[in-house]
Protein backbone atom coordinates (compact mmCIF):
# COMPACT_ATOMS: atom_id res chain seq x y z
CA MET A 1 88.74 97.75 48.04
CA ASN A 2 87.89 94.48 46.28
CA PRO A 3 84.35 93.43 47.36
CA TYR A 4 85.47 89.82 48.03
CA VAL A 5 88.29 91.02 50.28
CA LEU A 6 85.89 93.42 52.05
CA ALA A 7 83.35 90.62 52.58
CA THR A 8 86.10 88.35 53.99
CA LEU A 9 87.32 91.05 56.39
CA LEU A 10 83.81 91.95 57.60
CA SER A 11 82.87 88.28 58.10
CA SER A 12 86.16 87.80 60.03
CA LEU A 13 85.18 90.74 62.25
CA GLY A 14 81.86 89.05 62.93
CA LEU A 15 83.56 85.67 63.50
CA GLY A 16 86.08 87.11 66.00
CA THR A 17 83.38 88.79 68.08
CA THR A 18 81.08 85.73 67.99
CA LEU A 19 83.98 83.49 69.02
CA THR A 20 84.67 85.65 72.08
CA PHE A 21 80.95 85.80 72.91
CA ALA A 22 80.57 82.03 72.77
CA SER A 23 83.80 81.02 74.52
CA SER A 24 84.17 79.80 78.10
CA HIS A 25 87.88 79.03 77.64
CA TRP A 26 90.54 81.76 77.87
CA LEU A 27 92.45 80.72 74.75
CA LEU A 28 89.31 80.75 72.61
CA ALA A 29 88.35 84.22 73.88
CA TRP A 30 91.89 85.46 73.17
CA MET A 31 91.74 83.98 69.68
CA GLY A 32 88.46 85.84 68.99
CA LEU A 33 90.03 89.16 70.06
CA GLU A 34 93.06 88.50 67.83
CA ILE A 35 90.91 87.70 64.77
CA ASN A 36 89.03 90.96 65.44
CA THR A 37 92.24 93.00 65.52
CA LEU A 38 93.71 91.38 62.40
CA ALA A 39 90.45 91.79 60.44
CA ILE A 40 90.11 95.53 61.08
CA ALA A 41 93.78 96.41 60.33
CA PRO A 42 93.44 96.23 56.50
CA LEU A 43 90.18 98.19 56.68
CA MET A 44 91.99 100.93 58.60
CA ALA A 45 94.94 101.11 56.20
CA GLN A 46 92.93 100.78 52.95
CA HIS A 47 93.42 104.43 51.88
CA HIS A 48 97.24 104.18 51.90
CA HIS A 49 97.47 107.64 53.43
CA PRO A 50 100.35 108.20 55.90
CA ARG A 51 97.80 109.21 58.58
CA ALA A 52 95.82 105.98 58.08
CA VAL A 53 98.96 103.81 58.12
CA GLU A 54 100.16 105.55 61.29
CA ALA A 55 96.76 105.06 62.95
CA THR A 56 96.77 101.36 61.95
CA THR A 57 100.27 100.87 63.37
CA LYS A 58 99.34 102.54 66.67
CA TYR A 59 96.14 100.51 66.92
CA PHE A 60 97.90 97.24 66.12
CA LEU A 61 100.64 97.83 68.72
CA THR A 62 98.19 98.71 71.52
CA GLN A 63 95.88 95.79 70.72
CA ALA A 64 98.81 93.37 70.48
CA THR A 65 100.07 94.59 73.88
CA ALA A 66 96.59 94.11 75.39
CA ALA A 67 96.28 90.63 73.84
CA ALA A 68 99.70 89.62 75.22
CA MET A 69 98.63 90.84 78.68
CA ILE A 70 95.38 88.82 78.44
CA LEU A 71 97.36 85.72 77.47
CA PHE A 72 99.81 86.29 80.33
CA ALA A 73 96.97 86.88 82.84
CA SER A 74 95.08 83.75 81.75
CA THR A 75 98.26 81.64 81.86
CA THR A 76 99.06 82.96 85.36
CA ASN A 77 95.50 82.20 86.47
CA ALA A 78 95.66 78.68 85.00
CA TRP A 79 99.02 78.11 86.67
CA MET A 80 97.65 79.16 90.07
CA THR A 81 94.20 77.54 89.90
CA GLY A 82 94.61 74.71 87.37
CA GLU A 83 91.63 75.94 85.32
CA TRP A 84 91.24 77.74 81.97
CA SER A 85 87.59 78.65 82.54
CA ILE A 86 86.74 82.35 82.10
CA ASN A 87 84.42 82.32 85.13
CA ASN A 88 87.19 81.14 87.44
CA LEU A 89 89.37 84.27 87.60
CA SER A 90 90.23 83.91 91.28
CA ASN A 91 93.89 84.98 91.33
CA PRO A 92 94.10 88.73 92.26
CA LEU A 93 97.26 89.37 90.18
CA ALA A 94 95.70 87.76 87.09
CA SER A 95 92.40 89.62 87.54
CA THR A 96 94.15 93.03 87.87
CA MET A 97 96.32 92.32 84.82
CA PHE A 98 93.28 91.18 82.87
CA THR A 99 91.34 94.35 83.80
CA ALA A 100 94.26 96.54 82.70
CA ALA A 101 94.46 94.66 79.37
CA LEU A 102 90.74 95.04 78.64
CA ALA A 103 90.86 98.72 79.68
CA LEU A 104 93.64 99.16 77.08
CA LYS A 105 91.56 97.28 74.48
CA ILE A 106 88.48 99.52 74.79
CA GLY A 107 90.33 102.76 75.57
CA LEU A 108 89.46 103.43 79.21
CA ALA A 109 91.39 106.18 80.98
CA PRO A 110 94.25 106.24 82.02
CA VAL A 111 95.22 103.94 79.09
CA HIS A 112 93.15 105.86 76.54
CA PHE A 113 95.87 107.86 74.77
CA TRP A 114 95.81 105.76 71.57
CA MET A 115 92.07 106.23 70.99
CA PRO A 116 91.80 109.91 69.80
CA GLU A 117 95.00 109.59 67.72
CA VAL A 118 93.86 106.41 65.98
CA LEU A 119 90.33 107.63 65.33
CA GLN A 120 91.65 110.89 63.88
CA GLY A 121 93.63 108.99 61.23
CA LEU A 122 90.68 106.92 59.97
CA ASP A 123 87.82 107.59 57.61
CA LEU A 124 84.39 107.91 59.20
CA LEU A 125 83.01 104.43 58.41
CA THR A 126 86.09 102.60 59.73
CA GLY A 127 85.99 104.95 62.73
CA LEU A 128 82.39 103.89 63.29
CA ILE A 129 83.37 100.19 63.33
CA LEU A 130 86.23 100.94 65.72
CA SER A 131 83.99 102.93 68.09
CA THR A 132 81.09 100.45 68.15
CA TRP A 133 81.68 96.87 66.96
CA GLN A 134 85.21 96.60 68.39
CA LYS A 135 83.88 97.31 71.92
CA LEU A 136 81.53 94.30 71.96
CA ALA A 137 83.98 91.40 72.49
CA PRO A 138 86.00 93.05 75.31
CA PHE A 139 82.76 94.05 77.07
CA ALA A 140 81.51 90.44 76.88
CA LEU A 141 84.64 89.40 78.79
CA ILE A 142 84.34 92.28 81.28
CA ILE A 143 80.72 91.37 82.07
CA GLN A 144 81.64 87.68 82.53
CA THR A 145 84.49 88.44 84.94
CA ALA A 146 83.18 91.59 86.68
CA GLN A 147 82.35 89.78 89.93
CA ASN A 148 85.99 88.64 90.30
CA ILE A 149 87.52 92.09 89.72
CA ASP A 150 88.31 94.50 92.56
CA PRO A 151 85.30 96.90 92.87
CA LEU A 152 87.56 99.85 93.75
CA LEU A 153 89.57 99.35 90.54
CA LEU A 154 86.39 99.34 88.41
CA THR A 155 85.07 102.46 90.17
CA LEU A 156 88.39 104.28 89.67
CA LEU A 157 88.50 103.33 85.97
CA GLY A 158 84.89 104.51 85.51
CA VAL A 159 85.26 107.87 87.27
CA THR A 160 88.65 108.59 85.61
CA SER A 161 87.27 107.77 82.16
CA THR A 162 84.22 110.04 82.49
CA LEU A 163 86.39 112.92 83.76
CA VAL A 164 89.10 112.45 81.11
CA GLY A 165 86.50 111.94 78.36
CA GLY A 166 84.84 115.24 79.30
CA TRP A 167 88.03 117.18 79.92
CA GLY A 168 89.88 115.96 76.82
CA GLY A 169 87.12 116.92 74.39
CA LEU A 170 86.88 120.54 75.53
CA ASN A 171 89.61 122.05 73.40
CA GLN A 172 89.24 119.94 70.24
CA THR A 173 88.33 121.22 66.79
CA GLN A 174 88.41 117.83 65.03
CA LEU A 175 85.09 115.99 65.20
CA ARG A 176 86.64 112.52 65.17
CA LYS A 177 88.74 113.36 68.23
CA ILE A 178 85.65 114.76 69.96
CA LEU A 179 83.81 111.50 69.24
CA ALA A 180 86.81 109.55 70.57
CA TYR A 181 86.70 111.45 73.88
CA SER A 182 82.93 111.00 73.91
CA SER A 183 83.55 107.24 73.55
CA ILE A 184 86.00 107.27 76.50
CA ALA A 185 83.42 109.06 78.69
CA HIS A 186 80.65 106.61 77.72
CA MET A 187 82.93 103.63 78.45
CA GLY A 188 83.40 105.08 81.95
CA TRP A 189 79.62 105.09 82.51
CA MET A 190 79.41 101.45 81.43
CA ILE A 191 82.32 100.23 83.53
CA ILE A 192 81.19 101.94 86.75
CA VAL A 193 77.94 99.97 86.97
CA VAL A 194 79.10 96.58 85.62
CA GLN A 195 79.73 95.14 89.12
CA TYR A 196 76.27 96.10 90.42
CA ALA A 197 73.96 95.72 87.40
CA PRO A 198 75.57 94.22 84.25
CA GLN A 199 72.23 94.58 82.44
CA LEU A 200 72.57 98.38 82.74
CA THR A 201 76.04 98.11 81.17
CA LEU A 202 74.46 96.30 78.22
CA LEU A 203 71.73 98.96 78.01
CA ALA A 204 74.31 101.77 78.07
CA LEU A 205 76.41 99.97 75.43
CA GLY A 206 73.35 99.50 73.19
CA THR A 207 72.27 103.15 73.41
CA TYR A 208 75.89 104.30 72.94
CA ILE A 209 76.17 102.22 69.72
CA ILE A 210 72.89 103.65 68.39
CA MET A 211 73.85 107.28 69.18
CA THR A 212 77.44 106.99 67.91
CA SER A 213 76.27 105.32 64.69
CA ALA A 214 73.83 108.19 64.13
CA ALA A 215 76.61 110.75 64.77
CA PHE A 216 79.16 109.10 62.44
CA MET A 217 76.63 108.52 59.66
CA THR A 218 75.48 112.13 59.86
CA LEU A 219 79.07 113.39 59.56
CA LYS A 220 79.62 111.00 56.64
CA MET A 221 76.44 112.26 54.94
CA SER A 222 77.45 115.92 55.34
CA MET A 223 81.15 115.16 54.61
CA THR A 224 82.34 116.98 57.70
CA THR A 225 85.35 116.30 59.94
CA LYS A 226 86.01 119.73 61.52
CA ILE A 227 83.93 122.16 63.59
CA GLY A 228 84.60 124.90 61.04
CA THR A 229 82.96 122.99 58.19
CA LEU A 230 80.15 121.91 60.51
CA ALA A 231 79.03 125.55 60.60
CA THR A 232 78.38 125.50 56.84
CA THR A 233 76.27 122.32 56.64
CA TRP A 234 72.91 124.08 57.19
CA SER A 235 72.76 125.35 53.59
CA LYS A 236 73.23 121.85 52.17
CA SER A 237 70.61 120.08 54.34
CA PRO A 238 68.78 122.12 57.01
CA ALA A 239 66.72 119.13 58.25
CA LEU A 240 69.86 117.04 58.79
CA THR A 241 71.48 119.95 60.64
CA SER A 242 68.62 120.20 63.13
CA THR A 243 68.53 116.43 63.75
CA THR A 244 72.34 116.39 64.16
CA ALA A 245 72.09 118.99 66.93
CA LEU A 246 69.56 116.73 68.70
CA VAL A 247 71.76 113.64 68.19
CA LEU A 248 74.66 115.49 69.85
CA LEU A 249 72.45 116.52 72.77
CA SER A 250 71.31 112.89 73.07
CA LEU A 251 74.99 111.84 73.29
CA GLY A 252 75.34 114.42 76.06
CA GLY A 253 72.47 112.75 77.93
CA LEU A 254 69.79 115.46 77.91
CA PRO A 255 66.12 114.55 78.43
CA PRO A 256 63.77 113.91 76.63
CA LEU A 257 66.25 112.12 74.30
CA THR A 258 67.41 108.49 74.37
CA GLY A 259 70.85 109.29 75.84
CA PHE A 260 69.26 110.38 79.12
CA MET A 261 67.87 106.88 79.88
CA PRO A 262 71.10 104.90 80.63
CA LYS A 263 72.65 107.77 82.61
CA TRP A 264 69.53 108.21 84.69
CA MET A 265 69.30 104.47 85.44
CA ILE A 266 73.03 104.18 86.23
CA LEU A 267 72.85 107.13 88.65
CA GLN A 268 69.77 105.54 90.24
CA GLU A 269 71.65 102.23 90.66
CA LEU A 270 74.72 103.95 92.17
CA THR A 271 72.47 105.76 94.65
CA LYS A 272 70.78 102.44 95.54
CA GLN A 273 74.24 100.95 96.19
CA ASP A 274 74.86 103.78 98.71
CA LEU A 275 77.49 105.53 96.57
CA PRO A 276 76.22 109.15 96.54
CA ILE A 277 79.70 110.70 96.09
CA VAL A 278 80.47 108.51 93.05
CA ALA A 279 77.02 109.27 91.57
CA THR A 280 77.52 113.04 92.09
CA THR A 281 81.01 112.90 90.50
CA MET A 282 79.62 111.04 87.48
CA ALA A 283 76.77 113.54 87.07
CA LEU A 284 79.21 116.49 87.24
CA ALA A 285 81.57 114.78 84.76
CA ALA A 286 78.61 114.39 82.38
CA LEU A 287 78.18 118.18 82.53
CA ILE A 288 81.75 118.68 81.25
CA SER A 289 80.97 116.40 78.30
CA LEU A 290 77.72 118.25 77.70
CA TYR A 291 79.67 121.50 77.27
CA PHE A 292 81.51 120.32 74.16
CA TYR A 293 78.33 118.85 72.65
CA LEU A 294 76.67 122.22 73.20
CA ARG A 295 79.68 123.86 71.57
CA LEU A 296 79.13 121.72 68.47
CA CYS A 297 75.40 122.54 68.48
CA TYR A 298 76.24 126.23 68.76
CA ALA A 299 78.69 126.07 65.84
CA MET A 300 76.17 124.16 63.79
CA THR A 301 72.87 125.94 64.39
CA LEU A 302 73.57 129.35 65.93
CA THR A 303 76.33 130.68 63.66
CA ILE A 304 74.26 130.73 60.46
CA PRO A 305 73.81 134.08 58.61
CA PRO A 306 73.49 136.98 59.25
CA ASN A 307 76.57 136.04 61.32
CA THR A 308 79.80 135.72 59.36
CA THR A 309 81.64 132.38 59.35
CA ASN A 310 85.42 132.24 59.23
CA SER A 311 85.50 128.90 57.41
CA ILE A 312 85.52 128.37 53.68
CA THR A 313 82.46 126.53 52.42
CA PRO A 314 83.72 123.19 51.05
CA TRP A 315 82.54 121.52 47.87
CA ARG A 316 79.97 118.89 48.70
CA THR A 317 79.29 116.33 46.01
CA LYS A 318 76.15 114.22 46.03
CA THR A 319 76.59 111.48 48.63
CA THR A 320 76.22 107.79 47.77
CA GLN A 321 75.36 106.85 51.35
CA ALA A 322 72.00 105.14 51.92
CA ALA A 323 69.62 107.38 53.87
CA LEU A 324 67.56 104.59 55.49
CA PRO A 325 70.12 103.38 58.11
CA LEU A 326 70.80 107.00 59.06
CA ALA A 327 67.06 107.72 59.42
CA LEU A 328 66.57 104.61 61.60
CA PHE A 329 69.54 105.40 63.87
CA ILE A 330 68.49 109.07 64.25
CA THR A 331 64.92 108.02 65.13
CA ALA A 332 66.23 105.58 67.74
CA THR A 333 68.66 108.20 69.10
CA LEU A 334 65.91 110.76 69.59
CA GLY A 335 62.86 108.76 70.57
CA LEU A 336 63.54 105.73 72.80
CA LEU A 337 63.09 107.47 76.17
CA PRO A 338 59.35 106.52 76.40
CA MET A 339 60.51 102.88 76.34
CA THR A 340 62.16 103.34 79.77
CA PRO A 341 59.39 101.62 81.86
CA THR A 342 59.57 98.54 79.61
CA ILE A 343 63.38 98.46 79.83
CA MET A 344 63.25 98.91 83.62
CA MET A 345 60.86 95.97 83.84
CA LEU A 346 63.24 93.83 81.73
CA THR A 347 66.40 94.84 83.62
CA THR A 348 65.15 94.37 87.19
């Protein structure tokens, strides 16, 4: 892609998100989301492969539907209340419609079906943008309006997403689809606590972005998109293989890795709010997710010779990817748990 075009698209992505962050008016927030969608579409379709074009079309249609619903919800709310302010979402019909639209935008279950399909059709770097940057603007709106949304609806969306995210990833062999289901499960963790402690949602979103970036960059570095080829990466770079296994376990939320911190604090908050059944369900759903991360770790680190692998070893040319961002993200993914007391002090 032409570097000027790429720079324009990336700056438009930044502009769209910043616009939504800064807005207090519904139309401005909607405009930011639209700029975001339109800026990422050419990045998704840049390879001119039928898969990429199909993924772009699916993504565009779902995002356009969500944007239309947001516009309809905000118009309904303005009609009923006479105000366009984001903080004044007092009409129950508008707030439910708005929640459904944002759930569709970020891929929460039960409106998550586009997410694995779209991510599967993209290259890893565009997939990384879709899984991380594109979640920021909708979450800014969710956090601003969380107090006006029905708590039962948010709880149902959160629990359903963690269960579907765990269950859907069990039988997958494609790594991008596994990361898509992982994203759905993590979104569930964030949405469940947004009504009680929005700062924990931000913490979970931050750690999710760090861990997912490390996972995508590792796969890009080792040029791997399937579990079968993951089993042959150890011969190319043994150090990267061992850190990748730890990154996956961090995504699963195992101590003493960074991924344990948000889950631990969210479960603590749910217990404080006298929701032991919800907290137990979330913890059990996290175990389902952990199974497929362990499956990846097993394929990656425990099937090396003298065991025989059924997959053909692919050609791996020398990568042009910079190693520094990957090293920074992996370090953050593995070692931020000791920061927990500081974070707890900041979030309470």
